[in-house]
Amino acid sequence: MKLIQKILFFFELRSFGVCSWWAKKLGIESSKVRLGFIYTSFVTLGSPLVLYIAMAWILEHKHYFKFQKKRRNSIWEL
């Protein structure tokens, strides 16, 4: 039983937060997003796992993808 707990703890620490990020963006519970990934993985024979890994990589390196927003001039500053 201790081995299973160690494995679960390892994966919980290493989780990338993709489902929680999507849940926050969509305004729903993260468990529903996780279930959606699981169900679509079974239906499509695992192809969402590739998508999940890509999203995890992007979230891990999002500081490279952030673009600076240009400050818009107001009508009074023209």
N, C-alpha and C. Protein backbone atom coordinates (compact mmCIF):
# COMPACT_ATOMS: atom_id res chain seq x y z
N MET A 1 0.83 -1.20 0.00
CA MET A 1 0.00 0.00 0.00
C MET A 1 0.87 1.26 0.00
N LYS A 2 2.00 1.21 0.65
CA LYS A 2 2.87 2.38 0.70
C LYS A 2 3.44 2.72 -0.66
N LEU A 3 3.72 1.70 -1.47
CA LEU A 3 4.26 1.93 -2.80
C LEU A 3 3.26 2.68 -3.67
N ILE A 4 2.00 2.30 -3.58
CA ILE A 4 0.96 2.98 -4.35
C ILE A 4 0.84 4.44 -3.92
N GLN A 5 0.92 4.69 -2.63
CA GLN A 5 0.84 6.05 -2.14
C GLN A 5 2.02 6.89 -2.61
N LYS A 6 3.20 6.27 -2.66
CA LYS A 6 4.38 6.98 -3.15
C LYS A 6 4.23 7.32 -4.63
N ILE A 7 3.69 6.39 -5.40
CA ILE A 7 3.49 6.63 -6.83
C ILE A 7 2.47 7.74 -7.04
N LEU A 8 1.37 7.68 -6.31
CA LEU A 8 0.35 8.73 -6.43
C LEU A 8 0.91 10.08 -6.02
N PHE A 9 1.67 10.12 -4.96
CA PHE A 9 2.26 11.37 -4.49
C PHE A 9 3.22 11.94 -5.54
N PHE A 10 4.00 11.05 -6.18
CA PHE A 10 4.93 11.49 -7.22
C PHE A 10 4.18 12.14 -8.37
N PHE A 11 3.10 11.51 -8.83
CA PHE A 11 2.35 12.07 -9.96
C PHE A 11 1.58 13.33 -9.57
N GLU A 12 1.14 13.42 -8.35
CA GLU A 12 0.46 14.63 -7.91
C GLU A 12 1.43 15.81 -7.85
N LEU A 13 2.67 15.56 -7.45
CA LEU A 13 3.66 16.63 -7.42
C LEU A 13 4.09 17.04 -8.82
N ARG A 14 4.13 16.10 -9.74
CA ARG A 14 4.62 16.36 -11.08
C ARG A 14 3.52 16.74 -12.06
N SER A 15 2.29 16.84 -11.60
CA SER A 15 1.21 17.18 -12.51
C SER A 15 1.43 18.58 -13.06
N PHE A 16 1.03 18.77 -14.28
CA PHE A 16 1.34 20.00 -14.97
C PHE A 16 0.29 21.08 -14.79
N GLY A 17 -0.88 20.73 -14.37
CA GLY A 17 -1.91 21.74 -14.15
C GLY A 17 -2.69 22.11 -15.39
N VAL A 18 -2.66 21.28 -16.41
CA VAL A 18 -3.37 21.58 -17.64
C VAL A 18 -4.88 21.60 -17.39
N CYS A 19 -5.37 20.59 -16.71
CA CYS A 19 -6.81 20.50 -16.46
C CYS A 19 -7.29 21.64 -15.56
N SER A 20 -6.51 21.97 -14.56
CA SER A 20 -6.93 23.06 -13.68
C SER A 20 -6.86 24.40 -14.41
N TRP A 21 -5.91 24.56 -15.33
CA TRP A 21 -5.82 25.79 -16.11
C TRP A 21 -7.03 25.92 -17.02
N TRP A 22 -7.39 24.82 -17.71
CA TRP A 22 -8.58 24.85 -18.57
C TRP A 22 -9.84 25.09 -17.75
N ALA A 23 -9.93 24.47 -16.57
CA ALA A 23 -11.11 24.63 -15.73
C ALA A 23 -11.25 26.09 -15.29
N LYS A 24 -10.14 26.71 -14.95
CA LYS A 24 -10.19 28.11 -14.54
C LYS A 24 -10.63 29.00 -15.70
N LYS A 25 -10.11 28.71 -16.89
CA LYS A 25 -10.47 29.51 -18.07
C LYS A 25 -11.93 29.32 -18.47
N LEU A 26 -12.43 28.09 -18.32
CA LEU A 26 -13.81 27.80 -18.71
C LEU A 26 -14.82 28.05 -17.59
N GLY A 27 -14.33 28.19 -16.36
CA GLY A 27 -15.22 28.45 -15.23
C GLY A 27 -15.96 27.22 -14.75
N ILE A 28 -15.35 26.04 -14.87
CA ILE A 28 -15.98 24.80 -14.40
C ILE A 28 -15.00 24.09 -13.47
N GLU A 29 -15.46 22.99 -12.89
CA GLU A 29 -14.62 22.23 -11.97
C GLU A 29 -13.55 21.47 -12.74
N SER A 30 -12.38 21.35 -12.14
CA SER A 30 -11.28 20.66 -12.81
C SER A 30 -11.54 19.16 -12.94
N SER A 31 -12.35 18.61 -12.05
CA SER A 31 -12.65 17.17 -12.15
C SER A 31 -13.43 16.87 -13.42
N LYS A 32 -14.28 17.79 -13.85
CA LYS A 32 -15.03 17.59 -15.09
C LYS A 32 -14.11 17.64 -16.31
N VAL A 33 -13.12 18.50 -16.26
CA VAL A 33 -12.16 18.57 -17.36
C VAL A 33 -11.33 17.30 -17.41
N ARG A 34 -10.92 16.81 -16.24
CA ARG A 34 -10.14 15.57 -16.19
C ARG A 34 -10.96 14.39 -16.73
N LEU A 35 -12.22 14.32 -16.34
CA LEU A 35 -13.08 13.26 -16.85
C LEU A 35 -13.23 13.38 -18.36
N GLY A 36 -13.32 14.59 -18.86
CA GLY A 36 -13.42 14.79 -20.30
C GLY A 36 -12.18 14.27 -21.02
N PHE A 37 -11.00 14.54 -20.46
CA PHE A 37 -9.76 14.01 -21.05
C PHE A 37 -9.75 12.49 -21.01
N ILE A 38 -10.18 11.92 -19.91
CA ILE A 38 -10.17 10.46 -19.78
C ILE A 38 -11.13 9.83 -20.77
N TYR A 39 -12.36 10.35 -20.85
CA TYR A 39 -13.35 9.77 -21.76
C TYR A 39 -12.94 9.92 -23.21
N THR A 40 -12.43 11.07 -23.59
CA THR A 40 -12.00 11.23 -24.98
C THR A 40 -10.77 10.39 -25.29
N SER A 41 -9.95 10.12 -24.30
CA SER A 41 -8.80 9.24 -24.52
C SER A 41 -9.26 7.81 -24.82
N PHE A 42 -10.30 7.36 -24.13
CA PHE A 42 -10.81 6.02 -24.41
C PHE A 42 -11.49 5.95 -25.77
N VAL A 43 -12.26 6.97 -26.10
CA VAL A 43 -13.00 6.96 -27.36
C VAL A 43 -12.07 7.10 -28.56
N THR A 44 -11.06 7.95 -28.46
CA THR A 44 -10.18 8.21 -29.59
C THR A 44 -8.85 7.47 -29.48
N LEU A 45 -8.79 6.48 -28.65
CA LEU A 45 -7.61 5.61 -28.50
C LEU A 45 -6.35 6.37 -28.11
N GLY A 46 -6.47 7.33 -27.22
CA GLY A 46 -5.31 7.96 -26.62
C GLY A 46 -4.77 9.20 -27.31
N SER A 47 -5.39 9.67 -28.37
CA SER A 47 -4.84 10.86 -29.05
C SER A 47 -4.91 12.13 -28.20
N PRO A 48 -5.86 12.32 -27.28
CA PRO A 48 -5.81 13.52 -26.43
C PRO A 48 -4.61 13.55 -25.50
N LEU A 49 -3.98 12.42 -25.27
CA LEU A 49 -2.78 12.42 -24.43
C LEU A 49 -1.66 13.20 -25.09
N VAL A 50 -1.56 13.10 -26.41
CA VAL A 50 -0.56 13.88 -27.14
C VAL A 50 -0.87 15.37 -27.00
N LEU A 51 -2.14 15.71 -27.12
CA LEU A 51 -2.57 17.10 -26.94
C LEU A 51 -2.29 17.58 -25.53
N TYR A 52 -2.56 16.73 -24.53
CA TYR A 52 -2.31 17.08 -23.14
C TYR A 52 -0.82 17.34 -22.89
N ILE A 53 0.04 16.49 -23.45
CA ILE A 53 1.47 16.66 -23.26
C ILE A 53 1.95 17.95 -23.93
N ALA A 54 1.40 18.25 -25.11
CA ALA A 54 1.76 19.51 -25.78
C ALA A 54 1.32 20.71 -24.95
N MET A 55 0.10 20.67 -24.42
CA MET A 55 -0.38 21.78 -23.59
C MET A 55 0.44 21.90 -22.31
N ALA A 56 0.83 20.78 -21.74
CA ALA A 56 1.66 20.81 -20.53
C ALA A 56 3.00 21.46 -20.83
N TRP A 57 3.58 21.14 -21.98
CA TRP A 57 4.86 21.75 -22.35
C TRP A 57 4.70 23.25 -22.55
N ILE A 58 3.63 23.66 -23.19
CA ILE A 58 3.40 25.09 -23.41
C ILE A 58 3.18 25.81 -22.08
N LEU A 59 2.40 25.21 -21.18
CA LEU A 59 2.19 25.84 -19.87
C LEU A 59 3.47 25.91 -19.06
N GLU A 60 4.32 24.91 -19.22
CA GLU A 60 5.59 24.91 -18.49
C GLU A 60 6.53 26.00 -19.01
N HIS A 61 6.43 26.32 -20.28
CA HIS A 61 7.30 27.31 -20.92
C HIS A 61 6.54 28.53 -21.40
N LYS A 62 5.46 28.88 -20.72
CA LYS A 62 4.61 29.97 -21.19
C LYS A 62 5.29 31.33 -21.16
N HIS A 63 6.35 31.47 -20.40
CA HIS A 63 7.03 32.75 -20.36
C HIS A 63 7.71 33.05 -21.70
N TYR A 64 7.96 32.02 -22.51
CA TYR A 64 8.51 32.25 -23.84
C TYR A 64 7.44 32.69 -24.84
N PHE A 65 6.17 32.35 -24.56
CA PHE A 65 5.09 32.61 -25.48
C PHE A 65 4.30 33.87 -25.17
N LYS A 66 4.57 34.51 -24.06
CA LYS A 66 3.82 35.72 -23.71
C LYS A 66 4.28 36.87 -24.57
N PHE A 67 3.33 37.48 -25.19
CA PHE A 67 3.63 38.64 -26.01
C PHE A 67 3.30 39.89 -25.22
N GLN A 68 4.12 40.88 -25.40
CA GLN A 68 3.89 42.14 -24.71
C GLN A 68 2.69 42.84 -25.38
N LYS A 69 1.75 43.23 -24.57
CA LYS A 69 0.63 43.99 -25.11
C LYS A 69 1.05 45.43 -25.26
N LYS A 70 0.80 45.94 -26.42
CA LYS A 70 1.12 47.34 -26.64
C LYS A 70 0.07 48.20 -25.95
N ARG A 71 0.52 49.21 -25.32
CA ARG A 71 -0.39 50.11 -24.63
C ARG A 71 -1.08 50.97 -25.68
N ARG A 72 -2.37 50.91 -25.69
CA ARG A 72 -3.13 51.69 -26.66
C ARG A 72 -3.23 53.12 -26.18
N ASN A 73 -3.07 53.99 -27.10
CA ASN A 73 -3.26 55.41 -26.78
C ASN A 73 -4.73 55.71 -26.70
N SER A 74 -5.09 56.49 -25.73
CA SER A 74 -6.48 56.89 -25.65
C SER A 74 -6.72 58.01 -26.67
N ILE A 75 -7.93 58.32 -26.85
CA ILE A 75 -8.29 59.36 -27.83
C ILE A 75 -7.72 60.73 -27.41
N TRP A 76 -7.49 60.91 -26.12
CA TRP A 76 -7.01 62.19 -25.63
C TRP A 76 -5.50 62.35 -25.81
N GLU A 77 -4.80 61.22 -26.02
CA GLU A 77 -3.35 61.29 -26.17
C GLU A 77 -2.91 61.36 -27.62
N LEU A 78 -3.81 61.36 -28.57
CA LEU A 78 -3.43 61.39 -29.97
C LEU A 78 -2.91 62.69 -30.39
